[in-house]
Amino acid sequence: MAAVDGKVVRGSRTGTAAVIQLLAAMEHHGVVLAQQQIASKSNEIPSFQPLLDTLELIGTLLITDAVHTQHDHGTY
């Protein structure tokens, strides 16, 4: 079982830099399997499949939040 979720890095916004967002896949016990930075002025939807492409997911139950209720994500 693995969970995918995006988070904003607290305190990462400065006067000259946008906030840093990360998308991560984690095991149930809290082990991070993969993580990548989301492009500025974007969201986690376009980063979903590239993140999962780095993992071996055969036989894995994948848990996501509602933002990933996209047809392409469900068929991935």
PDB file of N, CA and C in Angstrom:
ATOM      1  N   MET A   1       0.848  -1.166   0.000  1.00  0.00           N
ATOM      2  CA  MET A   1       0.000   0.000   0.000  1.00  0.00           C
ATOM      3  C   MET A   1       0.900   1.238   0.000  1.00  0.00           C
ATOM      4  N   ALA A   2       0.523   2.234  -0.810  1.00  0.00           N
ATOM      5  CA  ALA A   2       1.273   3.480  -0.880  1.00  0.00           C
ATOM      6  C   ALA A   2       0.292   4.637  -0.995  1.00  0.00           C
ATOM      7  N   ALA A   3       0.665   5.771  -0.457  1.00  0.00           N
ATOM      8  CA  ALA A   3      -0.150   6.983  -0.523  1.00  0.00           C
ATOM      9  C   ALA A   3       0.606   8.056  -1.282  1.00  0.00           C
ATOM     10  N   VAL A   4      -0.120   8.835  -2.073  1.00  0.00           N
ATOM     11  CA  VAL A   4       0.469   9.947  -2.824  1.00  0.00           C
ATOM     12  C   VAL A   4      -0.216  11.226  -2.365  1.00  0.00           C
ATOM     13  N   ASP A   5       0.586  12.224  -2.013  1.00  0.00           N
ATOM     14  CA  ASP A   5       0.016  13.489  -1.571  1.00  0.00           C
ATOM     15  C   ASP A   5       1.002  14.619  -1.836  1.00  0.00           C
ATOM     16  N   GLY A   6       0.483  15.789  -2.065  1.00  0.00           N
ATOM     17  CA  GLY A   6       1.292  16.981  -2.273  1.00  0.00           C
ATOM     18  C   GLY A   6       1.282  17.848  -1.037  1.00  0.00           C
ATOM     19  N   LYS A   7       2.370  18.527  -0.801  1.00  0.00           N
ATOM     20  CA  LYS A   7       2.502  19.413   0.351  1.00  0.00           C
ATOM     21  C   LYS A   7       3.279  20.657  -0.039  1.00  0.00           C
ATOM     22  N   VAL A   8       2.962  21.750   0.623  1.00  0.00           N
ATOM     23  CA  VAL A   8       3.708  22.992   0.480  1.00  0.00           C
ATOM     24  C   VAL A   8       4.754  23.018   1.584  1.00  0.00           C
ATOM     25  N   VAL A   9       5.987  23.334   1.240  1.00  0.00           N
ATOM     26  CA  VAL A   9       7.064  23.406   2.229  1.00  0.00           C
ATOM     27  C   VAL A   9       6.878  24.679   3.037  1.00  0.00           C
ATOM     28  N   ARG A  10       6.593  24.504   4.297  1.00  0.00           N
ATOM     29  CA  ARG A  10       6.321  25.629   5.188  1.00  0.00           C
ATOM     30  C   ARG A  10       7.532  26.553   5.268  1.00  0.00           C
ATOM     31  N   GLY A  11       7.289  27.859   5.118  1.00  0.00           N
ATOM     32  CA  GLY A  11       8.346  28.846   5.211  1.00  0.00           C
ATOM     33  C   GLY A  11       9.185  28.978   3.958  1.00  0.00           C
ATOM     34  N   SER A  12       8.778  28.349   2.853  1.00  0.00           N
ATOM     35  CA  SER A  12       9.601  28.388   1.643  1.00  0.00           C
ATOM     36  C   SER A  12       9.349  29.629   0.783  1.00  0.00           C
ATOM     37  N   ARG A  13       8.271  30.329   1.010  1.00  0.00           N
ATOM     38  CA  ARG A  13       7.998  31.532   0.227  1.00  0.00           C
ATOM     39  C   ARG A  13       8.845  32.689   0.764  1.00  0.00           C
ATOM     40  N   THR A  14       9.480  33.385  -0.154  1.00  0.00           N
ATOM     41  CA  THR A  14      10.249  34.577   0.211  1.00  0.00           C
ATOM     42  C   THR A  14       9.757  35.739  -0.638  1.00  0.00           C
ATOM     43  N   GLY A  15      10.341  36.878  -0.455  1.00  0.00           N
ATOM     44  CA  GLY A  15       9.965  38.041  -1.244  1.00  0.00           C
ATOM     45  C   GLY A  15      10.278  37.892  -2.722  1.00  0.00           C
ATOM     46  N   THR A  16      11.233  37.050  -3.050  1.00  0.00           N
ATOM     47  CA  THR A  16      11.631  36.885  -4.448  1.00  0.00           C
ATOM     48  C   THR A  16      11.361  35.484  -5.004  1.00  0.00           C
ATOM     49  N   ALA A  17      10.998  34.541  -4.155  1.00  0.00           N
ATOM     50  CA  ALA A  17      10.792  33.165  -4.612  1.00  0.00           C
ATOM     51  C   ALA A  17       9.386  32.685  -4.274  1.00  0.00           C
ATOM     52  N   ALA A  18       8.806  31.921  -5.187  1.00  0.00           N
ATOM     53  CA  ALA A  18       7.492  31.334  -4.952  1.00  0.00           C
ATOM     54  C   ALA A  18       7.605  30.184  -3.957  1.00  0.00           C
ATOM     55  N   VAL A  19       6.487  29.778  -3.450  1.00  0.00           N
ATOM     56  CA  VAL A  19       6.438  28.682  -2.501  1.00  0.00           C
ATOM     57  C   VAL A  19       6.896  27.380  -3.192  1.00  0.00           C
ATOM     58  N   ILE A  20       7.527  26.499  -2.438  1.00  0.00           N
ATOM     59  CA  ILE A  20       7.969  25.205  -2.959  1.00  0.00           C
ATOM     60  C   ILE A  20       6.901  24.160  -2.633  1.00  0.00           C
ATOM     61  N   GLN A  21       6.485  23.425  -3.658  1.00  0.00           N
ATOM     62  CA  GLN A  21       5.513  22.354  -3.485  1.00  0.00           C
ATOM     63  C   GLN A  21       6.173  21.022  -3.836  1.00  0.00           C
ATOM     64  N   LEU A  22       5.866  19.995  -3.065  1.00  0.00           N
ATOM     65  CA  LEU A  22       6.424  18.664  -3.302  1.00  0.00           C
ATOM     66  C   LEU A  22       5.295  17.650  -3.433  1.00  0.00           C
ATOM     67  N   LEU A  23       5.503  16.661  -4.273  1.00  0.00           N
ATOM     68  CA  LEU A  23       4.592  15.529  -4.391  1.00  0.00           C
ATOM     69  C   LEU A  23       5.373  14.293  -3.969  1.00  0.00           C
ATOM     70  N   ALA A  24       4.803  13.510  -3.079  1.00  0.00           N
ATOM     71  CA  ALA A  24       5.523  12.345  -2.560  1.00  0.00           C
ATOM     72  C   ALA A  24       4.639  11.116  -2.554  1.00  0.00           C
ATOM     73  N   ALA A  25       5.262   9.967  -2.717  1.00  0.00           N
ATOM     74  CA  ALA A  25       4.627   8.662  -2.542  1.00  0.00           C
ATOM     75  C   ALA A  25       5.267   8.032  -1.312  1.00  0.00           C
ATOM     76  N   MET A  26       4.423   7.581  -0.397  1.00  0.00           N
ATOM     77  CA  MET A  26       4.911   7.027   0.868  1.00  0.00           C
ATOM     78  C   MET A  26       4.285   5.673   1.150  1.00  0.00           C
ATOM     79  N   GLU A  27       5.037   4.818   1.840  1.00  0.00           N
ATOM     80  CA  GLU A  27       4.501   3.567   2.355  1.00  0.00           C
ATOM     81  C   GLU A  27       3.649   3.857   3.579  1.00  0.00           C
ATOM     82  N   HIS A  28       2.881   2.885   3.975  1.00  0.00           N
ATOM     83  CA  HIS A  28       1.996   3.017   5.137  1.00  0.00           C
ATOM     84  C   HIS A  28       2.773   3.352   6.417  1.00  0.00           C
ATOM     85  N   HIS A  29       4.000   2.905   6.523  1.00  0.00           N
ATOM     86  CA  HIS A  29       4.796   3.127   7.732  1.00  0.00           C
ATOM     87  C   HIS A  29       5.577   4.440   7.703  1.00  0.00           C
ATOM     88  N   GLY A  30       5.376   5.266   6.660  1.00  0.00           N
ATOM     89  CA  GLY A  30       6.013   6.572   6.604  1.00  0.00           C
ATOM     90  C   GLY A  30       7.294   6.638   5.800  1.00  0.00           C
ATOM     91  N   VAL A  31       7.679   5.567   5.155  1.00  0.00           N
ATOM     92  CA  VAL A  31       8.888   5.562   4.329  1.00  0.00           C
ATOM     93  C   VAL A  31       8.564   6.227   2.995  1.00  0.00           C
ATOM     94  N   VAL A  32       9.340   7.260   2.641  1.00  0.00           N
ATOM     95  CA  VAL A  32       9.127   7.954   1.368  1.00  0.00           C
ATOM     96  C   VAL A  32       9.724   7.110   0.250  1.00  0.00           C
ATOM     97  N   LEU A  33       8.870   6.745  -0.714  1.00  0.00           N
ATOM     98  CA  LEU A  33       9.310   5.931  -1.846  1.00  0.00           C
ATOM     99  C   LEU A  33       9.853   6.786  -2.976  1.00  0.00           C
ATOM    100  N   ALA A  34       9.240   7.939  -3.184  1.00  0.00           N
ATOM    101  CA  ALA A  34       9.656   8.864  -4.242  1.00  0.00           C
ATOM    102  C   ALA A  34       9.104  10.242  -3.911  1.00  0.00           C
ATOM    103  N   GLN A  35       9.826  11.254  -4.348  1.00  0.00           N
ATOM    104  CA  GLN A  35       9.393  12.637  -4.105  1.00  0.00           C
ATOM    105  C   GLN A  35       9.951  13.513  -5.207  1.00  0.00           C
ATOM    106  N   GLN A  36       9.156  14.489  -5.626  1.00  0.00           N
ATOM    107  CA  GLN A  36       9.648  15.440  -6.621  1.00  0.00           C
ATOM    108  C   GLN A  36       9.004  16.789  -6.400  1.00  0.00           C
ATOM    109  N   GLN A  37       9.712  17.811  -6.837  1.00  0.00           N
ATOM    110  CA  GLN A  37       9.199  19.164  -6.721  1.00  0.00           C
ATOM    111  C   GLN A  37       8.215  19.429  -7.852  1.00  0.00           C
ATOM    112  N   ILE A  38       7.129  20.095  -7.514  1.00  0.00           N
ATOM    113  CA  ILE A  38       6.112  20.474  -8.492  1.00  0.00           C
ATOM    114  C   ILE A  38       6.542  21.801  -9.104  1.00  0.00           C
ATOM    115  N   ALA A  39       6.391  21.916 -10.411  1.00  0.00           N
ATOM    116  CA  ALA A  39       6.779  23.146 -11.111  1.00  0.00           C
ATOM    117  C   ALA A  39       6.026  24.334 -10.533  1.00  0.00           C
ATOM    118  N   SER A  40       6.707  25.473 -10.452  1.00  0.00           N
ATOM    119  CA  SER A  40       6.038  26.674  -9.953  1.00  0.00           C
ATOM    120  C   SER A  40       4.895  27.038 -10.896  1.00  0.00           C
ATOM    121  N   LYS A  41       3.864  27.620 -10.358  1.00  0.00           N
ATOM    122  CA  LYS A  41       2.648  27.997 -11.085  1.00  0.00           C
ATOM    123  C   LYS A  41       1.956  26.776 -11.684  1.00  0.00           C
ATOM    124  N   SER A  42       2.081  25.629 -11.014  1.00  0.00           N
ATOM    125  CA  SER A  42       1.419  24.409 -11.436  1.00  0.00           C
ATOM    126  C   SER A  42       0.788  23.767 -10.207  1.00  0.00           C
ATOM    127  N   ASN A  43       0.327  22.549 -10.348  1.00  0.00           N
ATOM    128  CA  ASN A  43      -0.210  21.805  -9.216  1.00  0.00           C
ATOM    129  C   ASN A  43       0.250  20.352  -9.330  1.00  0.00           C
ATOM    130  N   GLU A  44      -0.249  19.508  -8.442  1.00  0.00           N
ATOM    131  CA  GLU A  44       0.264  18.146  -8.399  1.00  0.00           C
ATOM    132  C   GLU A  44      -0.303  17.228  -9.477  1.00  0.00           C
ATOM    133  N   ILE A  45      -1.344  17.636 -10.182  1.00  0.00           N
ATOM    134  CA  ILE A  45      -1.944  16.775 -11.200  1.00  0.00           C
ATOM    135  C   ILE A  45      -0.951  16.398 -12.301  1.00  0.00           C
ATOM    136  N   PRO A  46      -0.242  17.350 -12.940  1.00  0.00           N
ATOM    137  CA  PRO A  46       0.700  16.947 -13.990  1.00  0.00           C
ATOM    138  C   PRO A  46       1.925  16.185 -13.472  1.00  0.00           C
ATOM    139  N   SER A  47       2.188  16.236 -12.185  1.00  0.00           N
ATOM    140  CA  SER A  47       3.360  15.562 -11.609  1.00  0.00           C
ATOM    141  C   SER A  47       3.071  14.133 -11.175  1.00  0.00           C
ATOM    142  N   PHE A  48       1.801  13.738 -11.183  1.00  0.00           N
ATOM    143  CA  PHE A  48       1.380  12.438 -10.656  1.00  0.00           C
ATOM    144  C   PHE A  48       2.014  11.270 -11.410  1.00  0.00           C
ATOM    145  N   GLN A  49       1.791  11.190 -12.705  1.00  0.00           N
ATOM    146  CA  GLN A  49       2.316  10.059 -13.469  1.00  0.00           C
ATOM    147  C   GLN A  49       3.842  10.032 -13.553  1.00  0.00           C
ATOM    148  N   PRO A  50       4.523  11.176 -13.748  1.00  0.00           N
ATOM    149  CA  PRO A  50       5.997  11.115 -13.730  1.00  0.00           C
ATOM    150  C   PRO A  50       6.567  10.611 -12.399  1.00  0.00           C
ATOM    151  N   LEU A  51       5.922  10.960 -11.293  1.00  0.00           N
ATOM    152  CA  LEU A  51       6.370  10.466  -9.988  1.00  0.00           C
ATOM    153  C   LEU A  51       6.203   8.952  -9.914  1.00  0.00           C
ATOM    154  N   LEU A  52       5.040   8.453 -10.335  1.00  0.00           N
ATOM    155  CA  LEU A  52       4.775   7.021 -10.242  1.00  0.00           C
ATOM    156  C   LEU A  52       5.585   6.209 -11.241  1.00  0.00           C
ATOM    157  N   ASP A  53       6.008   6.821 -12.338  1.00  0.00           N
ATOM    158  CA  ASP A  53       6.844   6.121 -13.315  1.00  0.00           C
ATOM    159  C   ASP A  53       8.173   5.666 -12.713  1.00  0.00           C
ATOM    160  N   THR A  54       8.592   6.284 -11.618  1.00  0.00           N
ATOM    161  CA  THR A  54       9.863   5.932 -10.988  1.00  0.00           C
ATOM    162  C   THR A  54       9.728   4.749 -10.036  1.00  0.00           C
ATOM    163  N   LEU A  55       8.502   4.227  -9.848  1.00  0.00           N
ATOM    164  CA  LEU A  55       8.250   3.180  -8.860  1.00  0.00           C
ATOM    165  C   LEU A  55       7.762   1.893  -9.513  1.00  0.00           C
ATOM    166  N   GLU A  56       8.006   0.781  -8.848  1.00  0.00           N
ATOM    167  CA  GLU A  56       7.448  -0.512  -9.233  1.00  0.00           C
ATOM    168  C   GLU A  56       6.163  -0.694  -8.420  1.00  0.00           C
ATOM    169  N   LEU A  57       5.008  -0.627  -9.079  1.00  0.00           N
ATOM    170  CA  LEU A  57       3.733  -0.606  -8.363  1.00  0.00           C
ATOM    171  C   LEU A  57       2.881  -1.847  -8.572  1.00  0.00           C
ATOM    172  N   ILE A  58       3.399  -2.885  -9.183  1.00  0.00           N
ATOM    173  CA  ILE A  58       2.612  -4.091  -9.422  1.00  0.00           C
ATOM    174  C   ILE A  58       2.170  -4.672  -8.081  1.00  0.00           C
ATOM    175  N   GLY A  59       0.867  -4.871  -7.936  1.00  0.00           N
ATOM    176  CA  GLY A  59       0.314  -5.425  -6.701  1.00  0.00           C
ATOM    177  C   GLY A  59       0.212  -4.427  -5.565  1.00  0.00           C
ATOM    178  N   THR A  60       0.351  -3.139  -5.846  1.00  0.00           N
ATOM    179  CA  THR A  60       0.315  -2.102  -4.817  1.00  0.00           C
ATOM    180  C   THR A  60      -1.012  -1.371  -4.849  1.00  0.00           C
ATOM    181  N   LEU A  61      -1.659  -1.244  -3.709  1.00  0.00           N
ATOM    182  CA  LEU A  61      -2.852  -0.426  -3.577  1.00  0.00           C
ATOM    183  C   LEU A  61      -2.396   1.017  -3.420  1.00  0.00           C
ATOM    184  N   LEU A  62      -2.877   1.890  -4.281  1.00  0.00           N
ATOM    185  CA  LEU A  62      -2.455   3.290  -4.277  1.00  0.00           C
ATOM    186  C   LEU A  62      -3.580   4.157  -3.730  1.00  0.00           C
ATOM    187  N   ILE A  63      -3.268   4.960  -2.727  1.00  0.00           N
ATOM    188  CA  ILE A  63      -4.244   5.840  -2.096  1.00  0.00           C
ATOM    189  C   ILE A  63      -3.861   7.277  -2.417  1.00  0.00           C
ATOM    190  N   THR A  64      -4.846   8.054  -2.900  1.00  0.00           N
ATOM    191  CA  THR A  64      -4.619   9.457  -3.221  1.00  0.00           C
ATOM    192  C   THR A  64      -5.738  10.293  -2.636  1.00  0.00           C
ATOM    193  N   ASP A  65      -5.573  11.611  -2.703  1.00  0.00           N
ATOM    194  CA  ASP A  65      -6.664  12.467  -2.268  1.00  0.00           C
ATOM    195  C   ASP A  65      -7.549  12.821  -3.465  1.00  0.00           C
ATOM    196  N   ALA A  66      -8.589  13.594  -3.231  1.00  0.00           N
ATOM    197  CA  ALA A  66      -9.619  13.854  -4.245  1.00  0.00           C
ATOM    198  C   ALA A  66      -9.091  14.559  -5.486  1.00  0.00           C
ATOM    199  N   VAL A  67      -8.008  15.296  -5.380  1.00  0.00           N
ATOM    200  CA  VAL A  67      -7.481  16.013  -6.551  1.00  0.00           C
ATOM    201  C   VAL A  67      -7.069  15.046  -7.655  1.00  0.00           C
ATOM    202  N   HIS A  68      -6.827  13.801  -7.312  1.00  0.00           N
ATOM    203  CA  HIS A  68      -6.388  12.812  -8.298  1.00  0.00           C
ATOM    204  C   HIS A  68      -7.535  11.961  -8.834  1.00  0.00           C
ATOM    205  N   THR A  69      -8.769  12.409  -8.668  1.00  0.00           N
ATOM    206  CA  THR A  69      -9.902  11.694  -9.263  1.00  0.00           C
ATOM    207  C   THR A  69     -10.028  12.111 -10.721  1.00  0.00           C
ATOM    208  N   GLN A  70      -8.970  11.896 -11.450  1.00  0.00           N
ATOM    209  CA  GLN A  70      -8.871  12.185 -12.882  1.00  0.00           C
ATOM    210  C   GLN A  70      -8.938  10.856 -13.626  1.00  0.00           C
ATOM    211  N   HIS A  71      -9.595  10.829 -14.773  1.00  0.00           N
ATOM    212  CA  HIS A  71      -9.726   9.605 -15.544  1.00  0.00           C
ATOM    213  C   HIS A  71      -8.345   9.004 -15.855  1.00  0.00           C
ATOM    214  N   ASP A  72      -7.397   9.828 -16.313  1.00  0.00           N
ATOM    215  CA  ASP A  72      -6.060   9.328 -16.648  1.00  0.00           C
ATOM    216  C   ASP A  72      -5.345   8.735 -15.442  1.00  0.00           C
ATOM    217  N   HIS A  73      -5.575   9.299 -14.273  1.00  0.00           N
ATOM    218  CA  HIS A  73      -4.923   8.782 -13.072  1.00  0.00           C
ATOM    219  C   HIS A  73      -5.521   7.442 -12.671  1.00  0.00           C
ATOM    220  N   GLY A  74      -6.826   7.280 -12.849  1.00  0.00           N
ATOM    221  CA  GLY A  74      -7.482   6.030 -12.502  1.00  0.00           C
ATOM    222  C   GLY A  74      -7.073   4.881 -13.412  1.00  0.00           C
ATOM    223  N   THR A  75      -6.828   5.172 -14.678  1.00  0.00           N
ATOM    224  CA  THR A  75      -6.444   4.116 -15.613  1.00  0.00           C
ATOM    225  C   THR A  75      -4.944   3.860 -15.607  1.00  0.00           C
ATOM    226  N   TYR A  76      -4.172   4.737 -14.987  1.00  0.00           N
ATOM    227  CA  TYR A  76      -2.730   4.572 -14.943  1.00  0.00           C
ATOM    228  C   TYR A  76      -2.405   3.262 -14.243  1.00  0.00           C
TER     229      TYR A  76
END
